Amino acid sequence: MQRVYGVKVLSVRSYVEQQKVTRQRPLGRLGLGPLRRPKSKKKMTIEMAEPFVWPEEPKDFSPYVCIPTDDLFSLSFPPVDTLLLSPRERKKVGLPF
């Protein structure tokens, strides 16, 4: 929280919350089937020095814009043959990796 939102955290408590036991109901029958417990959920509670206020939504989303899928094909990738080369052979060919 300190690095992302600039809010000082005083303490952190975490606990695992078990889910209720249920029955698997094959073919939709009520009351029949083996007992099972759904996957537990881990929850955390933090105590902060001051109340948390959500930051305003950015007006300019240009830093978050992804490459459109049409432009992916215009990117240059190394030839497939060079991916199977050893590191020494890659240096001979002049590849950076």
PDB file of N, CA and C in Angstrom:
ATOM      1  N   MET A   1       0.825  -1.186   0.000  1.00  0.00           N
ATOM      2  CA  MET A   1       0.000   0.000   0.000  1.00  0.00           C
ATOM      3  C   MET A   1       0.876   1.260   0.000  1.00  0.00           C
ATOM      4  N   GLN A   2       2.005   1.184   0.695  1.00  0.00           N
ATOM      5  CA  GLN A   2       2.893   2.343   0.755  1.00  0.00           C
ATOM      6  C   GLN A   2       3.455   2.659  -0.624  1.00  0.00           C
ATOM      7  N   ARG A   3       3.906   1.639  -1.349  1.00  0.00           N
ATOM      8  CA  ARG A   3       4.533   1.876  -2.644  1.00  0.00           C
ATOM      9  C   ARG A   3       3.523   2.227  -3.721  1.00  0.00           C
ATOM     10  N   VAL A   4       2.345   1.642  -3.668  1.00  0.00           N
ATOM     11  CA  VAL A   4       1.370   1.857  -4.732  1.00  0.00           C
ATOM     12  C   VAL A   4       0.533   3.106  -4.486  1.00  0.00           C
ATOM     13  N   TYR A   5      -0.033   3.230  -3.273  1.00  0.00           N
ATOM     14  CA  TYR A   5      -0.954   4.331  -2.996  1.00  0.00           C
ATOM     15  C   TYR A   5      -0.394   5.386  -2.053  1.00  0.00           C
ATOM     16  N   GLY A   6       0.761   5.142  -1.454  1.00  0.00           N
ATOM     17  CA  GLY A   6       1.348   6.120  -0.548  1.00  0.00           C
ATOM     18  C   GLY A   6       0.653   6.183   0.796  1.00  0.00           C
ATOM     19  N   VAL A   7       0.052   5.068   1.236  1.00  0.00           N
ATOM     20  CA  VAL A   7      -0.649   5.022   2.524  1.00  0.00           C
ATOM     21  C   VAL A   7       0.163   4.151   3.468  1.00  0.00           C
ATOM     22  N   LYS A   8       0.446   4.669   4.651  1.00  0.00           N
ATOM     23  CA  LYS A   8       1.246   3.926   5.612  1.00  0.00           C
ATOM     24  C   LYS A   8       0.398   2.841   6.274  1.00  0.00           C
ATOM     25  N   VAL A   9       0.932   1.618   6.312  1.00  0.00           N
ATOM     26  CA  VAL A   9       0.234   0.468   6.903  1.00  0.00           C
ATOM     27  C   VAL A   9       0.823   0.215   8.283  1.00  0.00           C
ATOM     28  N   LEU A  10      -0.074   0.113   9.289  1.00  0.00           N
ATOM     29  CA  LEU A  10       0.376  -0.138  10.659  1.00  0.00           C
ATOM     30  C   LEU A  10       0.475  -1.632  10.957  1.00  0.00           C
ATOM     31  N   SER A  11      -0.497  -2.413  10.503  1.00  0.00           N
ATOM     32  CA  SER A  11      -0.458  -3.855  10.750  1.00  0.00           C
ATOM     33  C   SER A  11      -1.246  -4.589   9.677  1.00  0.00           C
ATOM     34  N   VAL A  12      -0.907  -5.867   9.502  1.00  0.00           N
ATOM     35  CA  VAL A  12      -1.576  -6.717   8.532  1.00  0.00           C
ATOM     36  C   VAL A  12      -1.954  -8.008   9.238  1.00  0.00           C
ATOM     37  N   ARG A  13      -3.220  -8.405   9.095  1.00  0.00           N
ATOM     38  CA  ARG A  13      -3.682  -9.682   9.642  1.00  0.00           C
ATOM     39  C   ARG A  13      -4.222 -10.510   8.489  1.00  0.00           C
ATOM     40  N   SER A  14      -3.860 -11.772   8.457  1.00  0.00           N
ATOM     41  CA  SER A  14      -4.386 -12.640   7.413  1.00  0.00           C
ATOM     42  C   SER A  14      -4.956 -13.894   8.061  1.00  0.00           C
ATOM     43  N   TYR A  15      -5.977 -14.428   7.425  1.00  0.00           N
ATOM     44  CA  TYR A  15      -6.575 -15.663   7.929  1.00  0.00           C
ATOM     45  C   TYR A  15      -7.179 -16.431   6.771  1.00  0.00           C
ATOM     46  N   VAL A  16      -7.348 -17.721   6.987  1.00  0.00           N
ATOM     47  CA  VAL A  16      -7.938 -18.588   5.985  1.00  0.00           C
ATOM     48  C   VAL A  16      -9.373 -18.885   6.401  1.00  0.00           C
ATOM     49  N   GLU A  17     -10.306 -18.582   5.519  1.00  0.00           N
ATOM     50  CA  GLU A  17     -11.727 -18.794   5.808  1.00  0.00           C
ATOM     51  C   GLU A  17     -12.189 -20.064   5.092  1.00  0.00           C
ATOM     52  N   GLN A  18     -12.562 -21.087   5.881  1.00  0.00           N
ATOM     53  CA  GLN A  18     -13.052 -22.318   5.279  1.00  0.00           C
ATOM     54  C   GLN A  18     -14.483 -22.137   4.811  1.00  0.00           C
ATOM     55  N   GLN A  19     -14.799 -22.800   3.723  1.00  0.00           N
ATOM     56  CA  GLN A  19     -16.151 -22.735   3.173  1.00  0.00           C
ATOM     57  C   GLN A  19     -17.014 -23.817   3.813  1.00  0.00           C
ATOM     58  N   LYS A  20     -18.320 -23.661   3.682  1.00  0.00           N
ATOM     59  CA  LYS A  20     -19.235 -24.637   4.259  1.00  0.00           C
ATOM     60  C   LYS A  20     -19.159 -25.965   3.516  1.00  0.00           C
ATOM     61  N   VAL A  21     -19.384 -27.038   4.246  1.00  0.00           N
ATOM     62  CA  VAL A  21     -19.402 -28.364   3.647  1.00  0.00           C
ATOM     63  C   VAL A  21     -20.682 -28.503   2.829  1.00  0.00           C
ATOM     64  N   THR A  22     -20.527 -28.987   1.602  1.00  0.00           N
ATOM     65  CA  THR A  22     -21.681 -29.187   0.729  1.00  0.00           C
ATOM     66  C   THR A  22     -21.657 -30.618   0.204  1.00  0.00           C
ATOM     67  N   ARG A  23     -22.685 -30.974  -0.516  1.00  0.00           N
ATOM     68  CA  ARG A  23     -22.741 -32.290  -1.141  1.00  0.00           C
ATOM     69  C   ARG A  23     -22.634 -32.133  -2.645  1.00  0.00           C
ATOM     70  N   GLN A  24     -21.906 -33.056  -3.251  1.00  0.00           N
ATOM     71  CA  GLN A  24     -21.907 -33.107  -4.704  1.00  0.00           C
ATOM     72  C   GLN A  24     -23.215 -33.770  -5.096  1.00  0.00           C
ATOM     73  N   ARG A  25     -23.914 -33.165  -5.992  1.00  0.00           N
ATOM     74  CA  ARG A  25     -25.237 -33.680  -6.358  1.00  0.00           C
ATOM     75  C   ARG A  25     -25.207 -34.239  -7.772  1.00  0.00           C
ATOM     76  N   PRO A  26     -24.913 -35.518  -7.899  1.00  0.00           N
ATOM     77  CA  PRO A  26     -24.915 -36.090  -9.233  1.00  0.00           C
ATOM     78  C   PRO A  26     -26.339 -36.182  -9.767  1.00  0.00           C
ATOM     79  N   LEU A  27     -26.516 -35.799 -10.996  1.00  0.00           N
ATOM     80  CA  LEU A  27     -27.807 -35.854 -11.677  1.00  0.00           C
ATOM     81  C   LEU A  27     -28.883 -35.019 -10.990  1.00  0.00           C
ATOM     82  N   GLY A  28     -28.475 -34.031 -10.180  1.00  0.00           N
ATOM     83  CA  GLY A  28     -29.428 -33.107  -9.578  1.00  0.00           C
ATOM     84  C   GLY A  28     -30.251 -33.666  -8.440  1.00  0.00           C
ATOM     85  N   ARG A  29     -29.888 -34.805  -7.896  1.00  0.00           N
ATOM     86  CA  ARG A  29     -30.646 -35.385  -6.785  1.00  0.00           C
ATOM     87  C   ARG A  29     -30.343 -34.635  -5.499  1.00  0.00           C
ATOM     88  N   LEU A  30     -31.353 -34.372  -4.720  1.00  0.00           N
ATOM     89  CA  LEU A  30     -31.177 -33.653  -3.468  1.00  0.00           C
ATOM     90  C   LEU A  30     -30.756 -34.612  -2.365  1.00  0.00           C
ATOM     91  N   GLY A  31     -29.811 -34.200  -1.527  1.00  0.00           N
ATOM     92  CA  GLY A  31     -29.434 -34.966  -0.356  1.00  0.00           C
ATOM     93  C   GLY A  31     -28.589 -36.187  -0.620  1.00  0.00           C
ATOM     94  N   LEU A  32     -28.197 -36.412  -1.841  1.00  0.00           N
ATOM     95  CA  LEU A  32     -27.371 -37.570  -2.148  1.00  0.00           C
ATOM     96  C   LEU A  32     -26.028 -37.108  -2.668  1.00  0.00           C
ATOM     97  N   GLY A  33     -25.031 -37.955  -2.524  1.00  0.00           N
ATOM     98  CA  GLY A  33     -23.713 -37.630  -3.043  1.00  0.00           C
ATOM     99  C   GLY A  33     -22.703 -37.447  -1.938  1.00  0.00           C
ATOM    100  N   PRO A  34     -21.418 -37.515  -2.281  1.00  0.00           N
ATOM    101  CA  PRO A  34     -20.364 -37.388  -1.268  1.00  0.00           C
ATOM    102  C   PRO A  34     -20.238 -35.952  -0.754  1.00  0.00           C
ATOM    103  N   LEU A  35     -19.777 -35.865   0.482  1.00  0.00           N
ATOM    104  CA  LEU A  35     -19.542 -34.546   1.070  1.00  0.00           C
ATOM    105  C   LEU A  35     -18.261 -33.962   0.488  1.00  0.00           C
ATOM    106  N   ARG A  36     -18.234 -32.655   0.338  1.00  0.00           N
ATOM    107  CA  ARG A  36     -17.045 -31.964  -0.144  1.00  0.00           C
ATOM    108  C   ARG A  36     -17.003 -30.577   0.475  1.00  0.00           C
ATOM    109  N   ARG A  37     -15.810 -30.030   0.547  1.00  0.00           N
ATOM    110  CA  ARG A  37     -15.643 -28.662   1.043  1.00  0.00           C
ATOM    111  C   ARG A  37     -15.004 -27.846  -0.078  1.00  0.00           C
ATOM    112  N   PRO A  38     -15.665 -26.761  -0.493  1.00  0.00           N
ATOM    113  CA  PRO A  38     -15.066 -25.909  -1.532  1.00  0.00           C
ATOM    114  C   PRO A  38     -13.721 -25.344  -1.073  1.00  0.00           C
ATOM    115  N   LYS A  39     -12.938 -24.880  -2.024  1.00  0.00           N
ATOM    116  CA  LYS A  39     -11.612 -24.342  -1.745  1.00  0.00           C
ATOM    117  C   LYS A  39     -11.700 -23.179  -0.766  1.00  0.00           C
ATOM    118  N   SER A  40     -10.787 -23.154   0.206  1.00  0.00           N
ATOM    119  CA  SER A  40     -10.761 -22.091   1.206  1.00  0.00           C
ATOM    120  C   SER A  40     -10.364 -20.769   0.581  1.00  0.00           C
ATOM    121  N   LYS A  41     -10.743 -19.679   1.245  1.00  0.00           N
ATOM    122  CA  LYS A  41     -10.392 -18.336   0.779  1.00  0.00           C
ATOM    123  C   LYS A  41      -9.468 -17.691   1.797  1.00  0.00           C
ATOM    124  N   LYS A  42      -8.409 -17.061   1.320  1.00  0.00           N
ATOM    125  CA  LYS A  42      -7.508 -16.348   2.200  1.00  0.00           C
ATOM    126  C   LYS A  42      -7.899 -14.879   2.199  1.00  0.00           C
ATOM    127  N   LYS A  43      -8.081 -14.324   3.366  1.00  0.00           N
ATOM    128  CA  LYS A  43      -8.481 -12.921   3.488  1.00  0.00           C
ATOM    129  C   LYS A  43      -7.452 -12.178   4.323  1.00  0.00           C
ATOM    130  N   MET A  44      -7.290 -10.891   4.017  1.00  0.00           N
ATOM    131  CA  MET A  44      -6.341 -10.058   4.744  1.00  0.00           C
ATOM    132  C   MET A  44      -7.020  -8.760   5.154  1.00  0.00           C
ATOM    133  N   THR A  45      -6.675  -8.305   6.337  1.00  0.00           N
ATOM    134  CA  THR A  45      -7.174  -7.041   6.857  1.00  0.00           C
ATOM    135  C   THR A  45      -5.975  -6.186   7.219  1.00  0.00           C
ATOM    136  N   ILE A  46      -5.979  -4.935   6.784  1.00  0.00           N
ATOM    137  CA  ILE A  46      -4.866  -4.058   7.114  1.00  0.00           C
ATOM    138  C   ILE A  46      -5.359  -2.886   7.950  1.00  0.00           C
ATOM    139  N   GLU A  47      -4.493  -2.421   8.814  1.00  0.00           N
ATOM    140  CA  GLU A  47      -4.780  -1.235   9.616  1.00  0.00           C
ATOM    141  C   GLU A  47      -3.890  -0.124   9.077  1.00  0.00           C
ATOM    142  N   MET A  48      -4.516   0.995   8.702  1.00  0.00           N
ATOM    143  CA  MET A  48      -3.780   2.094   8.080  1.00  0.00           C
ATOM    144  C   MET A  48      -3.691   3.284   9.017  1.00  0.00           C
ATOM    145  N   ALA A  49      -2.670   4.105   8.798  1.00  0.00           N
ATOM    146  CA  ALA A  49      -2.463   5.302   9.612  1.00  0.00           C
ATOM    147  C   ALA A  49      -3.547   6.336   9.341  1.00  0.00           C
ATOM    148  N   GLU A  50      -4.040   6.389   8.104  1.00  0.00           N
ATOM    149  CA  GLU A  50      -5.099   7.323   7.734  1.00  0.00           C
ATOM    150  C   GLU A  50      -6.074   6.613   6.807  1.00  0.00           C
ATOM    151  N   PRO A  51      -7.303   7.088   6.701  1.00  0.00           N
ATOM    152  CA  PRO A  51      -8.291   6.408   5.864  1.00  0.00           C
ATOM    153  C   PRO A  51      -7.865   6.376   4.390  1.00  0.00           C
ATOM    154  N   PHE A  52      -8.200   5.285   3.732  1.00  0.00           N
ATOM    155  CA  PHE A  52      -7.849   5.129   2.328  1.00  0.00           C
ATOM    156  C   PHE A  52      -8.873   5.829   1.457  1.00  0.00           C
ATOM    157  N   VAL A  53      -8.393   6.596   0.475  1.00  0.00           N
ATOM    158  CA  VAL A  53      -9.248   7.274  -0.499  1.00  0.00           C
ATOM    159  C   VAL A  53      -8.783   6.813  -1.874  1.00  0.00           C
ATOM    160  N   TRP A  54      -9.730   6.293  -2.664  1.00  0.00           N
ATOM    161  CA  TRP A  54      -9.378   5.838  -4.005  1.00  0.00           C
ATOM    162  C   TRP A  54      -8.885   7.012  -4.830  1.00  0.00           C
ATOM    163  N   PRO A  55      -7.806   6.815  -5.604  1.00  0.00           N
ATOM    164  CA  PRO A  55      -7.315   7.904  -6.463  1.00  0.00           C
ATOM    165  C   PRO A  55      -8.311   8.176  -7.590  1.00  0.00           C
ATOM    166  N   GLU A  56      -8.241   9.389  -8.138  1.00  0.00           N
ATOM    167  CA  GLU A  56      -9.137   9.752  -9.231  1.00  0.00           C
ATOM    168  C   GLU A  56      -8.792   8.941 -10.475  1.00  0.00           C
ATOM    169  N   GLU A  57      -9.791   8.725 -11.298  1.00  0.00           N
ATOM    170  CA  GLU A  57      -9.584   7.998 -12.549  1.00  0.00           C
ATOM    171  C   GLU A  57      -8.754   8.877 -13.486  1.00  0.00           C
ATOM    172  N   PRO A  58      -7.729   8.308 -14.120  1.00  0.00           N
ATOM    173  CA  PRO A  58      -6.899   9.129 -15.008  1.00  0.00           C
ATOM    174  C   PRO A  58      -7.689   9.601 -16.223  1.00  0.00           C
ATOM    175  N   LYS A  59      -7.387  10.823 -16.659  1.00  0.00           N
ATOM    176  CA  LYS A  59      -8.061  11.374 -17.841  1.00  0.00           C
ATOM    177  C   LYS A  59      -7.374  10.941 -19.132  1.00  0.00           C
ATOM    178  N   ASP A  60      -6.076  10.665 -19.049  1.00  0.00           N
ATOM    179  CA  ASP A  60      -5.311  10.235 -20.221  1.00  0.00           C
ATOM    180  C   ASP A  60      -4.924   8.764 -20.046  1.00  0.00           C
ATOM    181  N   PHE A  61      -5.490   7.888 -20.872  1.00  0.00           N
ATOM    182  CA  PHE A  61      -5.230   6.457 -20.776  1.00  0.00           C
ATOM    183  C   PHE A  61      -4.142   5.993 -21.744  1.00  0.00           C
ATOM    184  N   SER A  62      -3.438   6.918 -22.383  1.00  0.00           N
ATOM    185  CA  SER A  62      -2.438   6.520 -23.371  1.00  0.00           C
ATOM    186  C   SER A  62      -1.319   5.645 -22.784  1.00  0.00           C
ATOM    187  N   PRO A  63      -0.878   5.827 -21.520  1.00  0.00           N
ATOM    188  CA  PRO A  63       0.146   4.910 -20.999  1.00  0.00           C
ATOM    189  C   PRO A  63      -0.353   3.478 -20.833  1.00  0.00           C
ATOM    190  N   TYR A  64      -1.662   3.287 -20.785  1.00  0.00           N
ATOM    191  CA  TYR A  64      -2.222   1.962 -20.534  1.00  0.00           C
ATOM    192  C   TYR A  64      -2.724   1.278 -21.805  1.00  0.00           C
ATOM    193  N   VAL A  65      -2.578   1.913 -22.941  1.00  0.00           N
ATOM    194  CA  VAL A  65      -3.103   1.362 -24.182  1.00  0.00           C
ATOM    195  C   VAL A  65      -2.212   0.209 -24.639  1.00  0.00           C
ATOM    196  N   CYS A  66      -2.832  -0.909 -24.982  1.00  0.00           N
ATOM    197  CA  CYS A  66      -2.096  -2.079 -25.461  1.00  0.00           C
ATOM    198  C   CYS A  66      -1.941  -2.007 -26.972  1.00  0.00           C
ATOM    199  N   ILE A  67      -1.065  -2.847 -27.491  1.00  0.00           N
ATOM    200  CA  ILE A  67      -0.875  -2.925 -28.936  1.00  0.00           C
ATOM    201  C   ILE A  67      -2.087  -3.615 -29.541  1.00  0.00           C
ATOM    202  N   PRO A  68      -2.751  -3.027 -30.519  1.00  0.00           N
ATOM    203  CA  PRO A  68      -3.874  -3.718 -31.157  1.00  0.00           C
ATOM    204  C   PRO A  68      -3.406  -5.016 -31.801  1.00  0.00           C
ATOM    205  N   THR A  69      -4.296  -5.986 -31.887  1.00  0.00           N
ATOM    206  CA  THR A  69      -3.909  -7.289 -32.417  1.00  0.00           C
ATOM    207  C   THR A  69      -3.504  -7.205 -33.881  1.00  0.00           C
ATOM    208  N   ASP A  70      -3.993  -6.221 -34.613  1.00  0.00           N
ATOM    209  CA  ASP A  70      -3.589  -6.078 -36.015  1.00  0.00           C
ATOM    210  C   ASP A  70      -2.108  -5.732 -36.132  1.00  0.00           C
ATOM    211  N   ASP A  71      -1.581  -4.977 -35.144  1.00  0.00           N
ATOM    212  CA  ASP A  71      -0.185  -4.566 -35.190  1.00  0.00           C
ATOM    213  C   ASP A  71       0.764  -5.668 -34.728  1.00  0.00           C
ATOM    214  N   LEU A  72       0.251  -6.730 -34.122  1.00  0.00           N
ATOM    215  CA  LEU A  72       1.121  -7.799 -33.658  1.00  0.00           C
ATOM    216  C   LEU A  72       1.830  -8.484 -34.817  1.00  0.00           C
ATOM    217  N   PHE A  73       1.167  -8.558 -35.959  1.00  0.00           N
ATOM    218  CA  PHE A  73       1.756  -9.237 -37.090  1.00  0.00           C
ATOM    219  C   PHE A  73       2.839  -8.399 -37.761  1.00  0.00           C
ATOM    220  N   SER A  74       2.820  -7.089 -37.497  1.00  0.00           N
ATOM    221  CA  SER A  74       3.841  -6.239 -38.098  1.00  0.00           C
ATOM    222  C   SER A  74       5.131  -6.227 -37.279  1.00  0.00           C
ATOM    223  N   LEU A  75       5.113  -6.785 -36.047  1.00  0.00           N
ATOM    224  CA  LEU A  75       6.314  -6.837 -35.229  1.00  0.00           C
ATOM    225  C   LEU A  75       7.303  -7.821 -35.839  1.00  0.00           C
ATOM    226  N   SER A  76       8.574  -7.560 -35.660  1.00  0.00           N
ATOM    227  CA  SER A  76       9.577  -8.460 -36.232  1.00  0.00           C
ATOM    228  C   SER A  76      10.026  -9.461 -35.176  1.00  0.00           C
ATOM    229  N   PHE A  77       9.954 -10.714 -35.508  1.00  0.00           N
ATOM    230  CA  PHE A  77      10.393 -11.789 -34.644  1.00  0.00           C
ATOM    231  C   PHE A  77      11.556 -12.505 -35.321  1.00  0.00           C
ATOM    232  N   PRO A  78      12.445 -13.119 -34.528  1.00  0.00           N
ATOM    233  CA  PRO A  78      13.538 -13.857 -35.155  1.00  0.00           C
ATOM    234  C   PRO A  78      12.998 -15.071 -35.897  1.00  0.00           C
ATOM    235  N   PRO A  79      13.694 -15.512 -36.928  1.00  0.00           N
ATOM    236  CA  PRO A  79      13.239 -16.691 -37.658  1.00  0.00           C
ATOM    237  C   PRO A  79      13.162 -17.910 -36.745  1.00  0.00           C
ATOM    238  N   VAL A  80      12.246 -18.798 -37.040  1.00  0.00           N
ATOM    239  CA  VAL A  80      12.020 -19.981 -36.209  1.00  0.00           C
ATOM    240  C   VAL A  80      13.267 -20.853 -36.164  1.00  0.00           C
ATOM    241  N   ASP A  81      14.017 -20.904 -37.239  1.00  0.00           N
ATOM    242  CA  ASP A  81      15.221 -21.742 -37.282  1.00  0.00           C
ATOM    243  C   ASP A  81      16.240 -21.316 -36.228  1.00  0.00           C
ATOM    244  N   THR A  82      16.300 -20.021 -35.932  1.00  0.00           N
ATOM    245  CA  THR A  82      17.298 -19.529 -34.991  1.00  0.00           C
ATOM    246  C   THR A  82      16.910 -19.822 -33.548  1.00  0.00           C
ATOM    247  N   LEU A  83      15.654 -20.128 -33.272  1.00  0.00           N
ATOM    248  CA  LEU A  83      15.237 -20.422 -31.905  1.00  0.00           C
ATOM    249  C   LEU A  83      15.789 -21.761 -31.423  1.00  0.00           C
ATOM    250  N   LEU A  84      16.128 -22.646 -32.342  1.00  0.00           N
ATOM    251  CA  LEU A  84      16.636 -23.968 -31.985  1.00  0.00           C
ATOM    252  C   LEU A  84      18.152 -23.991 -31.861  1.00  0.00           C
ATOM    253  N   LEU A  85      18.807 -22.870 -32.077  1.00  0.00           N
ATOM    254  CA  LEU A  85      20.266 -22.810 -32.017  1.00  0.00           C
ATOM    255  C   LEU A  85      20.746 -22.716 -30.578  1.00  0.00           C
ATOM    256  N   SER A  86      21.968 -23.179 -30.348  1.00  0.00           N
ATOM    257  CA  SER A  86      22.578 -23.045 -29.029  1.00  0.00           C
ATOM    258  C   SER A  86      23.005 -21.589 -28.837  1.00  0.00           C
ATOM    259  N   PRO A  87      23.297 -21.185 -27.599  1.00  0.00           N
ATOM    260  CA  PRO A  87      23.715 -19.798 -27.364  1.00  0.00           C
ATOM    261  C   PRO A  87      24.963 -19.397 -28.166  1.00  0.00           C
ATOM    262  N   ARG A  88      25.912 -20.316 -28.324  1.00  0.00           N
ATOM    263  CA  ARG A  88      27.115 -19.982 -29.098  1.00  0.00           C
ATOM    264  C   ARG A  88      26.766 -19.744 -30.564  1.00  0.00           C
ATOM    265  N   GLU A  89      25.912 -20.596 -31.104  1.00  0.00           N
ATOM    266  CA  GLU A  89      25.516 -20.433 -32.505  1.00  0.00           C
ATOM    267  C   GLU A  89      24.721 -19.151 -32.714  1.00  0.00           C
ATOM    268  N   ARG A  90      23.938 -18.755 -31.703  1.00  0.00           N
ATOM    269  CA  ARG A  90      23.174 -17.499 -31.804  1.00  0.00           C
ATOM    270  C   ARG A  90      24.121 -16.302 -31.880  1.00  0.00           C
ATOM    271  N   LYS A  91      25.216 -16.351 -31.114  1.00  0.00           N
ATOM    272  CA  LYS A  91      26.194 -15.249 -31.163  1.00  0.00           C
ATOM    273  C   LYS A  91      26.842 -15.166 -32.535  1.00  0.00           C
ATOM    274  N   LYS A  92      27.113 -16.325 -33.125  1.00  0.00           N
ATOM    275  CA  LYS A  92      27.723 -16.333 -34.455  1.00  0.00           C
ATOM    276  C   LYS A  92      26.798 -15.704 -35.484  1.00  0.00           C
ATOM    277  N   VAL A  93      25.486 -15.970 -35.350  1.00  0.00           N
ATOM    278  CA  VAL A  93      24.515 -15.415 -36.293  1.00  0.00           C
ATOM    279  C   VAL A  93      24.316 -13.931 -36.030  1.00  0.00           C
ATOM    280  N   GLY A  94      24.538 -13.492 -34.774  1.00  0.00           N
ATOM    281  CA  GLY A  94      24.382 -12.083 -34.447  1.00  0.00           C
ATOM    282  C   GLY A  94      23.096 -11.770 -33.718  1.00  0.00           C
ATOM    283  N   LEU A  95      22.464 -12.775 -33.103  1.00  0.00           N
ATOM    284  CA  LEU A  95      21.233 -12.537 -32.341  1.00  0.00           C
ATOM    285  C   LEU A  95      21.583 -12.062 -30.934  1.00  0.00           C
ATOM    286  N   PRO A  96      20.789 -11.160 -30.364  1.00  0.00           N
ATOM    287  CA  PRO A  96      21.112 -10.605 -29.045  1.00  0.00           C
ATOM    288  C   PRO A  96      20.829 -11.563 -27.892  1.00  0.00           C
ATOM    289  N   PHE A  97      20.097 -12.624 -28.138  1.00  0.00           N
ATOM    290  CA  PHE A  97      19.740 -13.523 -27.028  1.00  0.00           C
ATOM    291  C   PHE A  97      20.278 -14.901 -27.228  1.00  0.00           C
TER     292      PHE A  97
END
